[in-house]
């Protein structure tokens, strides 16, 4: 059995980043200028990711910031379009997850994700069952790169930090994990990740 736990990020590693088509659908659903929309979208995202507000609350805040009004029907359409824009996964990385699970590798997931999107993934992707811990920011109340998000995972995994390899496509998130004592891997390609896992197992052995 492989030693240590691999803690994966979701978007940019196992799932695709927000699609260009999805971004256009959001702009059309909102009916506001793109530059203003994205400024508000990202500025207001952290409390949504941390579960401090729900989907309707997020979109009402965004409308207020833009000086417009979204009715309930528009908000429902925006939530659906937002979820769809983040819904594509990397099939080759899901194959790797299934391979690691078959080999006895313990794996976990740490993602900055709002509740509506978390439920979508749980309802549509059975491969999530392979993860010993699924740490969704909306349910933790903490989001990367906040140290509390990594500490929560360490407690949930019952692993000392040096036995956890954190994999993320954002350097600031990897550095934050390393600051808590975890090992870190900045994800670029699956081949480089596989090489990192091989080196880790060799060193542990």
Protein backbone atom coordinates (compact mmCIF):
# COMPACT_ATOMS: atom_id res chain seq x y z
CA UNK A 1 0.00 0.00 0.00
CA UNK A 2 1.25 3.47 -0.88
CA UNK A 3 2.28 5.67 2.02
CA UNK A 4 0.96 9.12 2.85
CA UNK A 5 -2.14 10.96 1.70
CA UNK A 6 -2.51 13.04 -1.44
CA UNK A 7 -4.81 16.02 -0.93
CA UNK A 8 -6.13 17.29 -4.25
CA UNK A 9 -7.50 20.62 -5.35
CA UNK A 10 -10.54 20.29 -7.62
CA UNK A 11 -10.65 23.06 -10.23
CA UNK A 12 -7.57 23.27 -12.40
CA UNK A 13 -6.44 19.80 -11.33
CA UNK A 14 -9.29 17.26 -11.49
CA UNK A 15 -11.91 19.55 -13.01
CA UNK A 16 -11.52 22.16 -15.69
CA UNK A 17 -11.38 25.85 -14.98
CA UNK A 18 -14.47 27.85 -15.87
CA UNK A 19 -15.21 27.39 -19.57
CA UNK A 20 -15.21 30.23 -22.08
CA UNK A 21 -18.67 29.22 -23.29
CA UNK A 22 -19.90 29.14 -19.70
CA UNK A 23 -18.52 32.61 -19.08
CA UNK A 24 -20.40 33.93 -22.11
CA UNK A 25 -23.62 32.28 -20.91
CA UNK A 26 -23.25 34.03 -17.57
CA UNK A 27 -22.77 37.41 -19.22
CA UNK A 28 -25.85 36.87 -21.36
CA UNK A 29 -27.90 35.75 -18.35
CA UNK A 30 -26.80 38.78 -16.32
CA UNK A 31 -27.31 41.29 -19.15
CA UNK A 32 -24.57 43.64 -17.92
CA UNK A 33 -21.16 44.70 -19.36
CA UNK A 34 -18.59 41.93 -19.06
CA UNK A 35 -15.86 43.94 -17.33
CA UNK A 36 -18.21 45.18 -14.62
CA UNK A 37 -19.70 41.71 -14.21
CA UNK A 38 -16.38 39.94 -13.65
CA UNK A 39 -15.10 42.58 -11.25
CA UNK A 40 -18.18 42.02 -9.08
CA UNK A 41 -18.22 38.24 -9.60
CA UNK A 42 -14.73 37.71 -8.20
CA UNK A 43 -14.83 40.46 -5.56
CA UNK A 44 -17.91 38.90 -3.96
CA UNK A 45 -16.93 35.25 -4.41
CA UNK A 46 -15.02 34.59 -1.13
CA UNK A 47 -18.04 34.74 1.24
CA UNK A 48 -20.00 32.58 -1.21
CA UNK A 49 -17.18 30.02 -1.32
CA UNK A 50 -16.99 30.02 2.48
CA UNK A 51 -20.72 29.37 2.82
CA UNK A 52 -21.43 32.69 4.50
CA UNK A 53 -24.14 33.37 1.90
CA UNK A 54 -26.10 31.06 -0.39
CA UNK A 55 -26.53 31.29 -4.16
CA UNK A 56 -29.49 33.70 -4.17
CA UNK A 57 -27.73 35.88 -1.61
CA UNK A 58 -24.58 35.99 -3.73
CA UNK A 59 -26.43 37.03 -6.86
CA UNK A 60 -28.47 39.66 -5.02
CA UNK A 61 -25.25 41.17 -3.66
CA UNK A 62 -23.76 41.13 -7.14
CA UNK A 63 -26.82 42.89 -8.54
CA UNK A 64 -26.61 45.53 -5.81
CA UNK A 65 -22.96 46.16 -6.62
CA UNK A 66 -23.81 46.56 -10.30
CA UNK A 67 -26.83 48.78 -9.62
CA UNK A 68 -29.30 46.38 -11.23
CA UNK A 69 -32.00 44.02 -10.03
CA UNK A 70 -32.20 40.26 -10.59
CA UNK A 71 -35.61 38.70 -9.95
CA UNK A 72 -35.97 35.12 -8.70
CA UNK A 73 -36.18 33.70 -12.21
CA UNK A 74 -33.01 35.52 -13.28
CA UNK A 75 -31.20 34.39 -10.14
CA UNK A 76 -32.16 30.75 -10.77
CA UNK A 77 -30.85 31.06 -14.34
CA UNK A 78 -27.59 32.60 -13.12
CA UNK A 79 -27.06 29.86 -10.54
CA UNK A 80 -27.66 27.17 -13.19
CA UNK A 81 -25.33 28.89 -15.67
CA UNK A 82 -22.65 29.32 -13.01
CA UNK A 83 -22.76 25.63 -12.05
CA UNK A 84 -22.65 24.57 -15.70
CA UNK A 85 -19.63 26.79 -16.37
CA UNK A 86 -17.59 24.87 -13.76
CA UNK A 87 -18.92 21.38 -14.53
CA UNK A 88 -16.33 19.92 -16.93
CA UNK A 89 -13.82 17.42 -15.53
CA UNK A 90 -10.48 16.13 -16.83
CA UNK A 91 -11.19 12.49 -17.69
CA UNK A 92 -7.50 11.57 -17.64
CA UNK A 93 -7.15 12.88 -14.08
CA UNK A 94 -10.25 10.99 -12.96
CA UNK A 95 -8.60 7.86 -14.36
CA UNK A 96 -5.56 8.66 -12.19
CA UNK A 97 -7.80 9.06 -9.12
CA UNK A 98 -9.35 5.66 -9.75
CA UNK A 99 -5.91 4.14 -10.26
CA UNK A 100 -4.60 5.59 -6.99
CA UNK A 101 -7.66 4.29 -5.15
CA UNK A 102 -7.14 0.77 -6.56
CA UNK A 103 -3.51 0.86 -5.44
CA UNK A 104 -4.52 1.71 -1.89
CA UNK A 105 -3.41 5.33 -1.99
CA UNK A 106 -5.33 7.43 0.51
CA UNK A 107 -6.64 10.60 -1.12
CA UNK A 108 -8.51 13.70 -0.01
CA UNK A 109 -10.06 16.73 -1.66
CA UNK A 110 -9.85 20.40 -0.67
CA UNK A 111 -11.77 22.82 -2.87
CA UNK A 112 -12.95 26.42 -2.78
CA UNK A 113 -16.50 25.78 -3.92
CA UNK A 114 -20.00 27.13 -3.17
CA UNK A 115 -22.75 24.83 -1.94
CA UNK A 116 -24.74 24.69 -5.19
CA UNK A 117 -21.66 23.54 -7.10
CA UNK A 118 -20.62 21.09 -4.37
CA UNK A 119 -24.05 19.44 -4.55
CA UNK A 120 -23.78 19.22 -8.34
CA UNK A 121 -20.49 17.35 -8.11
CA UNK A 122 -21.79 15.02 -5.40
CA UNK A 123 -24.88 14.23 -7.47
CA UNK A 124 -23.08 13.63 -10.76
CA UNK A 125 -19.64 12.20 -9.99
CA UNK A 126 -19.39 8.85 -8.23
CA UNK A 127 -15.58 9.06 -8.25
CA UNK A 128 -15.85 11.45 -5.30
CA UNK A 129 -16.52 8.35 -3.19
CA UNK A 130 -12.81 7.48 -3.49
CA UNK A 131 -11.84 10.43 -1.28
CA UNK A 132 -11.37 9.75 2.42
CA UNK A 133 -12.13 13.41 3.10
CA UNK A 134 -14.01 15.92 0.96
CA UNK A 135 -13.27 19.37 2.33
CA UNK A 136 -15.52 21.87 0.59
CA UNK A 137 -14.93 25.46 1.66
CA UNK A 138 -18.66 26.20 1.78
CA UNK A 139 -18.99 23.63 4.57
CA UNK A 140 -15.74 24.39 6.40
CA UNK A 141 -16.26 28.13 6.66
CA UNK A 142 -12.65 28.52 5.48
CA UNK A 143 -11.17 28.80 1.99
CA UNK A 144 -7.68 28.41 0.60
CA UNK A 145 -5.20 29.93 1.17
CA UNK A 146 -6.44 30.45 4.74
CA UNK A 147 -4.37 28.25 7.11
CA UNK A 148 -7.55 27.02 8.83
CA UNK A 149 -8.60 25.19 5.66
CA UNK A 150 -5.41 23.10 5.68
CA UNK A 151 -5.52 22.52 9.43
CA UNK A 152 -9.08 21.24 9.10
CA UNK A 153 -7.91 18.68 6.53
CA UNK A 154 -5.02 17.56 8.72
CA UNK A 155 -7.41 16.89 11.59
CA UNK A 156 -9.97 15.17 9.37
CA UNK A 157 -7.33 12.96 7.76
CA UNK A 158 -5.65 12.20 11.13
CA UNK A 159 -2.32 12.55 9.38
CA UNK A 160 0.73 14.56 10.43
CA UNK A 161 1.28 17.37 7.94
CA UNK A 162 4.51 15.96 6.49
CA UNK A 163 2.62 12.85 5.36
CA UNK A 164 0.19 14.89 3.26
CA UNK A 165 1.08 15.98 -0.28
CA UNK A 166 -1.12 18.90 -1.36
CA UNK A 167 -1.67 19.29 -5.12
CA UNK A 168 -3.01 22.59 -6.49
CA UNK A 169 -2.61 24.62 -9.66
CA UNK A 170 -2.21 27.92 -7.77
CA UNK A 171 1.19 28.71 -6.29
CA UNK A 172 -0.23 30.76 -3.41
CA UNK A 173 -2.34 27.81 -2.29
CA UNK A 174 0.61 25.41 -2.44
CA UNK A 175 2.81 27.79 -0.45
CA UNK A 176 0.08 28.21 2.17
CA UNK A 177 -0.16 24.43 2.54
CA UNK A 178 3.61 24.14 2.91
CA UNK A 179 3.52 26.82 5.61
CA UNK A 180 1.35 24.47 7.70
CA UNK A 181 3.89 21.65 7.33
CA UNK A 182 2.43 19.83 4.35
CA UNK A 183 4.39 18.88 1.29
CA UNK A 184 3.30 20.75 -1.82
CA UNK A 185 3.12 20.11 -5.55
CA UNK A 186 2.25 22.85 -8.04
CA UNK A 187 0.16 21.02 -10.63
CA UNK A 188 1.03 21.56 -14.28
CA UNK A 189 0.72 18.14 -15.95
CA UNK A 190 -0.30 14.65 -14.93
CA UNK A 191 3.11 13.27 -15.93
CA UNK A 192 4.89 15.62 -13.53
CA UNK A 193 2.47 14.70 -10.76
CA UNK A 194 3.07 10.99 -11.35
CA UNK A 195 6.83 11.59 -11.17
CA UNK A 196 6.34 13.47 -7.88
CA UNK A 197 4.32 10.60 -6.43
CA UNK A 198 6.98 8.08 -7.50
CA UNK A 199 9.71 10.16 -5.84
CA UNK A 200 7.63 10.50 -2.68
CA UNK A 201 7.05 6.74 -2.43
CA UNK A 202 10.72 6.01 -3.08
CA UNK A 203 11.83 8.44 -0.37
CA UNK A 204 9.30 7.01 2.09
CA UNK A 205 10.35 3.47 1.31
